[in-house]
């Protein structure tokens, strides 16, 4: 008999009790429900990168002047 990965998973789930199944289900839901990167996140990232660039340019000018 050839065992497929799906069959192995089902057999593993059958061997679990109710509490273990709920923990596995909660874990899987947590993996699937990652928050999407929102426009707010993208704006924050854009501003952070802008500030980093400015700081690097300022540092570079200070080193060149010294």
PDB file of N, CA and C in Angstrom:
ATOM      1  N   UNK A   1       0.834  -1.178   0.000  1.00  0.00           N
ATOM      2  CA  UNK A   1       0.000   0.000   0.000  1.00  0.00           C
ATOM      3  C   UNK A   1       0.883   1.247   0.000  1.00  0.00           C
ATOM      4  N   UNK A   2       0.640   2.150  -0.947  1.00  0.00           N
ATOM      5  CA  UNK A   2       1.410   3.383  -1.047  1.00  0.00           C
ATOM      6  C   UNK A   2       0.769   4.431  -0.143  1.00  0.00           C
ATOM      7  N   UNK A   3       1.599   5.065   0.710  1.00  0.00           N
ATOM      8  CA  UNK A   3       1.084   6.094   1.609  1.00  0.00           C
ATOM      9  C   UNK A   3       1.392   7.468   1.037  1.00  0.00           C
ATOM     10  N   UNK A   4       0.368   8.243   0.867  1.00  0.00           N
ATOM     11  CA  UNK A   4       0.564   9.610   0.400  1.00  0.00           C
ATOM     12  C   UNK A   4       0.730  10.527   1.606  1.00  0.00           C
ATOM     13  N   UNK A   5       1.321  11.702   1.402  1.00  0.00           N
ATOM     14  CA  UNK A   5       1.459  12.643   2.514  1.00  0.00           C
ATOM     15  C   UNK A   5       0.101  13.025   3.114  1.00  0.00           C
ATOM     16  N   UNK A   6      -0.917  13.152   2.272  1.00  0.00           N
ATOM     17  CA  UNK A   6      -2.248  13.504   2.777  1.00  0.00           C
ATOM     18  C   UNK A   6      -2.778  12.413   3.695  1.00  0.00           C
ATOM     19  N   UNK A   7      -2.600  11.173   3.299  1.00  0.00           N
ATOM     20  CA  UNK A   7      -3.065  10.047   4.112  1.00  0.00           C
ATOM     21  C   UNK A   7      -2.313  10.006   5.442  1.00  0.00           C
ATOM     22  N   UNK A   8      -1.027  10.277   5.407  1.00  0.00           N
ATOM     23  CA  UNK A   8      -0.230  10.281   6.634  1.00  0.00           C
ATOM     24  C   UNK A   8      -0.725  11.369   7.589  1.00  0.00           C
ATOM     25  N   UNK A   9      -1.076  12.530   7.049  1.00  0.00           N
ATOM     26  CA  UNK A   9      -1.592  13.620   7.874  1.00  0.00           C
ATOM     27  C   UNK A   9      -2.928  13.219   8.500  1.00  0.00           C
ATOM     28  N   UNK A  10      -3.804  12.653   7.702  1.00  0.00           N
ATOM     29  CA  UNK A  10      -5.115  12.236   8.216  1.00  0.00           C
ATOM     30  C   UNK A  10      -4.951  11.192   9.308  1.00  0.00           C
ATOM     31  N   UNK A  11      -4.050  10.255   9.116  1.00  0.00           N
ATOM     32  CA  UNK A  11      -3.823   9.229  10.126  1.00  0.00           C
ATOM     33  C   UNK A  11      -3.266   9.842  11.414  1.00  0.00           C
ATOM     34  N   UNK A  12      -2.387  10.838  11.263  1.00  0.00           N
ATOM     35  CA  UNK A  12      -1.848  11.516  12.443  1.00  0.00           C
ATOM     36  C   UNK A  12      -2.946  12.253  13.190  1.00  0.00           C
ATOM     37  N   UNK A  13      -3.833  12.907  12.449  1.00  0.00           N
ATOM     38  CA  UNK A  13      -4.937  13.625  13.083  1.00  0.00           C
ATOM     39  C   UNK A  13      -5.887  12.669  13.790  1.00  0.00           C
ATOM     40  N   UNK A  14      -6.105  11.513  13.189  1.00  0.00           N
ATOM     41  CA  UNK A  14      -6.984  10.520  13.814  1.00  0.00           C
ATOM     42  C   UNK A  14      -6.423  10.026  15.145  1.00  0.00           C
ATOM     43  N   UNK A  15      -5.103  10.039  15.277  1.00  0.00           N
ATOM     44  CA  UNK A  15      -4.471   9.556  16.495  1.00  0.00           C
ATOM     45  C   UNK A  15      -4.498  10.596  17.617  1.00  0.00           C
ATOM     46  N   UNK A  16      -4.851  11.834  17.309  1.00  0.00           N
ATOM     47  CA  UNK A  16      -4.853  12.911  18.313  1.00  0.00           C
ATOM     48  C   UNK A  16      -6.172  12.956  19.069  1.00  0.00           C
ATOM     49  N   UNK A  17      -6.087  13.528  20.276  1.00  0.00           N
ATOM     50  CA  UNK A  17      -7.326  13.771  21.004  1.00  0.00           C
ATOM     51  C   UNK A  17      -7.862  15.148  20.609  1.00  0.00           C
ATOM     52  N   UNK A  18      -9.011  15.514  21.138  1.00  0.00           N
ATOM     53  CA  UNK A  18      -9.693  16.743  20.745  1.00  0.00           C
ATOM     54  C   UNK A  18      -8.848  17.989  21.037  1.00  0.00           C
ATOM     55  N   UNK A  19      -8.206  18.025  22.187  1.00  0.00           N
ATOM     56  CA  UNK A  19      -7.412  19.195  22.584  1.00  0.00           C
ATOM     57  C   UNK A  19      -6.219  19.366  21.628  1.00  0.00           C
ATOM     58  N   UNK A  20      -5.557  18.279  21.297  1.00  0.00           N
ATOM     59  CA  UNK A  20      -4.419  18.350  20.384  1.00  0.00           C
ATOM     60  C   UNK A  20      -4.865  18.825  18.999  1.00  0.00           C
ATOM     61  N   UNK A  21      -6.021  18.338  18.546  1.00  0.00           N
ATOM     62  CA  UNK A  21      -6.536  18.773  17.244  1.00  0.00           C
ATOM     63  C   UNK A  21      -6.806  20.270  17.236  1.00  0.00           C
ATOM     64  N   UNK A  22      -7.383  20.790  18.326  1.00  0.00           N
ATOM     65  CA  UNK A  22      -7.669  22.216  18.424  1.00  0.00           C
ATOM     66  C   UNK A  22      -6.380  23.033  18.401  1.00  0.00           C
ATOM     67  N   UNK A  23      -5.336  22.545  19.072  1.00  0.00           N
ATOM     68  CA  UNK A  23      -4.052  23.241  19.083  1.00  0.00           C
ATOM     69  C   UNK A  23      -3.444  23.277  17.685  1.00  0.00           C
ATOM     70  N   UNK A  24      -3.520  22.176  16.979  1.00  0.00           N
ATOM     71  CA  UNK A  24      -2.999  22.118  15.613  1.00  0.00           C
ATOM     72  C   UNK A  24      -3.797  23.058  14.711  1.00  0.00           C
ATOM     73  N   UNK A  25      -5.107  23.053  14.843  1.00  0.00           N
ATOM     74  CA  UNK A  25      -5.961  23.922  14.039  1.00  0.00           C
ATOM     75  C   UNK A  25      -5.654  25.391  14.315  1.00  0.00           C
ATOM     76  N   UNK A  26      -5.480  25.760  15.576  1.00  0.00           N
ATOM     77  CA  UNK A  26      -5.146  27.131  15.946  1.00  0.00           C
ATOM     78  C   UNK A  26      -3.803  27.532  15.354  1.00  0.00           C
ATOM     79  N   UNK A  27      -2.827  26.626  15.402  1.00  0.00           N
ATOM     80  CA  UNK A  27      -1.506  26.889  14.836  1.00  0.00           C
ATOM     81  C   UNK A  27      -1.598  27.127  13.328  1.00  0.00           C
ATOM     82  N   UNK A  28      -2.340  26.279  12.633  1.00  0.00           N
ATOM     83  CA  UNK A  28      -2.477  26.408  11.176  1.00  0.00           C
ATOM     84  C   UNK A  28      -3.188  27.712  10.822  1.00  0.00           C
ATOM     85  N   UNK A  29      -4.237  28.050  11.568  1.00  0.00           N
ATOM     86  CA  UNK A  29      -4.945  29.305  11.322  1.00  0.00           C
ATOM     87  C   UNK A  29      -4.011  30.491  11.518  1.00  0.00           C
ATOM     88  N   UNK A  30      -3.150  30.408  12.523  1.00  0.00           N
ATOM     89  CA  UNK A  30      -2.184  31.480  12.765  1.00  0.00           C
ATOM     90  C   UNK A  30      -1.219  31.640  11.611  1.00  0.00           C
ATOM     91  N   UNK A  31      -0.838  30.533  10.996  1.00  0.00           N
ATOM     92  CA  UNK A  31       0.056  30.607   9.837  1.00  0.00           C
ATOM     93  C   UNK A  31      -0.634  31.229   8.633  1.00  0.00           C
ATOM     94  N   UNK A  32      -1.910  30.935   8.483  1.00  0.00           N
ATOM     95  CA  UNK A  32      -2.645  31.399   7.308  1.00  0.00           C
ATOM     96  C   UNK A  32      -3.140  32.830   7.440  1.00  0.00           C
ATOM     97  N   UNK A  33      -3.307  33.317   8.646  1.00  0.00           N
ATOM     98  CA  UNK A  33      -3.902  34.630   8.854  1.00  0.00           C
ATOM     99  C   UNK A  33      -2.876  35.708   9.159  1.00  0.00           C
ATOM    100  N   UNK A  34      -1.798  35.756   8.384  1.00  0.00           N
ATOM    101  CA  UNK A  34      -0.832  36.837   8.561  1.00  0.00           C
ATOM    102  C   UNK A  34      -1.478  38.133   8.107  1.00  0.00           C
ATOM    103  N   UNK A  35      -1.298  39.178   8.901  1.00  0.00           N
ATOM    104  CA  UNK A  35      -1.878  40.452   8.474  1.00  0.00           C
ATOM    105  C   UNK A  35      -1.239  40.939   7.185  1.00  0.00           C
ATOM    106  N   UNK A  36      -2.056  41.432   6.312  1.00  0.00           N
ATOM    107  CA  UNK A  36      -1.553  41.954   5.044  1.00  0.00           C
ATOM    108  C   UNK A  36      -0.800  43.245   5.315  1.00  0.00           C
ATOM    109  N   UNK A  37       0.166  43.527   4.469  1.00  0.00           N
ATOM    110  CA  UNK A  37       0.877  44.795   4.591  1.00  0.00           C
ATOM    111  C   UNK A  37      -0.033  45.888   4.076  1.00  0.00           C
ATOM    112  N   UNK A  38      -0.397  46.749   4.960  1.00  0.00           N
ATOM    113  CA  UNK A  38      -1.356  47.784   4.627  1.00  0.00           C
ATOM    114  C   UNK A  38      -0.657  48.993   4.025  1.00  0.00           C
ATOM    115  N   UNK A  39      -1.459  49.903   3.530  1.00  0.00           N
ATOM    116  CA  UNK A  39      -0.916  51.146   2.982  1.00  0.00           C
ATOM    117  C   UNK A  39      -0.187  51.910   4.088  1.00  0.00           C
ATOM    118  N   UNK A  40      -0.728  51.841   5.303  1.00  0.00           N
ATOM    119  CA  UNK A  40      -0.100  52.509   6.436  1.00  0.00           C
ATOM    120  C   UNK A  40       1.307  51.949   6.668  1.00  0.00           C
ATOM    121  N   UNK A  41       1.458  50.639   6.585  1.00  0.00           N
ATOM    122  CA  UNK A  41       2.765  50.007   6.741  1.00  0.00           C
ATOM    123  C   UNK A  41       3.706  50.469   5.646  1.00  0.00           C
ATOM    124  N   UNK A  42       3.208  50.497   4.421  1.00  0.00           N
ATOM    125  CA  UNK A  42       4.058  50.910   3.298  1.00  0.00           C
ATOM    126  C   UNK A  42       4.488  52.367   3.434  1.00  0.00           C
ATOM    127  N   UNK A  43       3.584  53.239   3.904  1.00  0.00           N
ATOM    128  CA  UNK A  43       3.947  54.635   4.125  1.00  0.00           C
ATOM    129  C   UNK A  43       5.015  54.747   5.212  1.00  0.00           C
ATOM    130  N   UNK A  44       4.850  53.993   6.276  1.00  0.00           N
ATOM    131  CA  UNK A  44       5.824  53.990   7.362  1.00  0.00           C
ATOM    132  C   UNK A  44       7.189  53.544   6.850  1.00  0.00           C
ATOM    133  N   UNK A  45       7.209  52.486   6.075  1.00  0.00           N
ATOM    134  CA  UNK A  45       8.462  51.964   5.531  1.00  0.00           C
ATOM    135  C   UNK A  45       9.117  52.986   4.605  1.00  0.00           C
ATOM    136  N   UNK A  46       8.317  53.629   3.764  1.00  0.00           N
ATOM    137  CA  UNK A  46       8.835  54.638   2.835  1.00  0.00           C
ATOM    138  C   UNK A  46       9.479  55.792   3.604  1.00  0.00           C
ATOM    139  N   UNK A  47       8.808  56.269   4.646  1.00  0.00           N
ATOM    140  CA  UNK A  47       9.339  57.367   5.455  1.00  0.00           C
ATOM    141  C   UNK A  47      10.621  56.949   6.178  1.00  0.00           C
ATOM    142  N   UNK A  48      10.647  55.734   6.685  1.00  0.00           N
ATOM    143  CA  UNK A  48      11.835  55.239   7.384  1.00  0.00           C
ATOM    144  C   UNK A  48      13.024  55.166   6.433  1.00  0.00           C
ATOM    145  N   UNK A  49      12.809  54.676   5.240  1.00  0.00           N
ATOM    146  CA  UNK A  49      13.892  54.592   4.250  1.00  0.00           C
ATOM    147  C   UNK A  49      14.381  55.994   3.870  1.00  0.00           C
ATOM    148  N   UNK A  50      13.472  56.928   3.761  1.00  0.00           N
ATOM    149  CA  UNK A  50      13.826  58.312   3.443  1.00  0.00           C
ATOM    150  C   UNK A  50      14.720  58.892   4.533  1.00  0.00           C
ATOM    151  N   UNK A  51      14.350  58.680   5.799  1.00  0.00           N
ATOM    152  CA  UNK A  51      15.143  59.173   6.910  1.00  0.00           C
ATOM    153  C   UNK A  51      16.520  58.514   6.959  1.00  0.00           C
ATOM    154  N   UNK A  52      16.587  57.243   6.661  1.00  0.00           N
ATOM    155  CA  UNK A  52      17.870  56.532   6.651  1.00  0.00           C
ATOM    156  C   UNK A  52      18.775  57.102   5.558  1.00  0.00           C
ATOM    157  N   UNK A  53      18.206  57.325   4.368  1.00  0.00           N
ATOM    158  CA  UNK A  53      18.998  57.908   3.275  1.00  0.00           C
ATOM    159  C   UNK A  53      19.535  59.279   3.659  1.00  0.00           C
ATOM    160  N   UNK A  54      18.683  60.094   4.269  1.00  0.00           N
ATOM    161  CA  UNK A  54      19.104  61.431   4.677  1.00  0.00           C
ATOM    162  C   UNK A  54      20.236  61.362   5.707  1.00  0.00           C
ATOM    163  N   UNK A  55      20.109  60.462   6.662  1.00  0.00           N
ATOM    164  CA  UNK A  55      21.131  60.319   7.696  1.00  0.00           C
ATOM    165  C   UNK A  55      22.455  59.855   7.087  1.00  0.00           C
ATOM    166  N   UNK A  56      22.389  58.936   6.142  1.00  0.00           N
ATOM    167  CA  UNK A  56      23.611  58.448   5.492  1.00  0.00           C
ATOM    168  C   UNK A  56      24.276  59.547   4.677  1.00  0.00           C
ATOM    169  N   UNK A  57      23.474  60.336   3.962  1.00  0.00           N
ATOM    170  CA  UNK A  57      24.039  61.446   3.178  1.00  0.00           C
ATOM    171  C   UNK A  57      24.697  62.471   4.096  1.00  0.00           C
ATOM    172  N   UNK A  58      24.043  62.780   5.205  1.00  0.00           N
ATOM    173  CA  UNK A  58      24.579  63.750   6.157  1.00  0.00           C
ATOM    174  C   UNK A  58      25.909  63.253   6.720  1.00  0.00           C
ATOM    175  N   UNK A  59      25.947  61.970   7.081  1.00  0.00           N
ATOM    176  CA  UNK A  59      27.182  61.383   7.618  1.00  0.00           C
ATOM    177  C   UNK A  59      28.299  61.409   6.571  1.00  0.00           C
ATOM    178  N   UNK A  60      27.943  61.127   5.332  1.00  0.00           N
ATOM    179  CA  UNK A  60      28.929  61.110   4.256  1.00  0.00           C
ATOM    180  C   UNK A  60      29.503  62.516   4.035  1.00  0.00           C
ATOM    181  N   UNK A  61      28.631  63.541   4.089  1.00  0.00           N
ATOM    182  CA  UNK A  61      29.092  64.935   3.907  1.00  0.00           C
ATOM    183  C   UNK A  61      29.999  65.351   5.064  1.00  0.00           C
ATOM    184  N   UNK A  62      29.663  64.923   6.283  1.00  0.00           N
ATOM    185  CA  UNK A  62      30.469  65.272   7.439  1.00  0.00           C
ATOM    186  C   UNK A  62      31.850  64.637   7.348  1.00  0.00           C
ATOM    187  N   UNK A  63      31.942  63.414   6.870  1.00  0.00           N
ATOM    188  CA  UNK A  63      33.227  62.744   6.708  1.00  0.00           C
ATOM    189  C   UNK A  63      34.061  63.410   5.619  1.00  0.00           C
ATOM    190  N   UNK A  64      33.387  63.853   4.536  1.00  0.00           N
ATOM    191  CA  UNK A  64      34.093  64.505   3.437  1.00  0.00           C
ATOM    192  C   UNK A  64      34.623  65.864   3.874  1.00  0.00           C
ATOM    193  N   UNK A  65      33.905  66.548   4.751  1.00  0.00           N
ATOM    194  CA  UNK A  65      34.326  67.875   5.225  1.00  0.00           C
ATOM    195  C   UNK A  65      35.487  67.763   6.231  1.00  0.00           C
ATOM    196  N   UNK A  66      35.613  66.653   6.881  1.00  0.00           N
ATOM    197  CA  UNK A  66      36.649  66.493   7.928  1.00  0.00           C
ATOM    198  C   UNK A  66      38.009  66.207   7.364  1.00  0.00           C
TER     199      UNK A  66
END
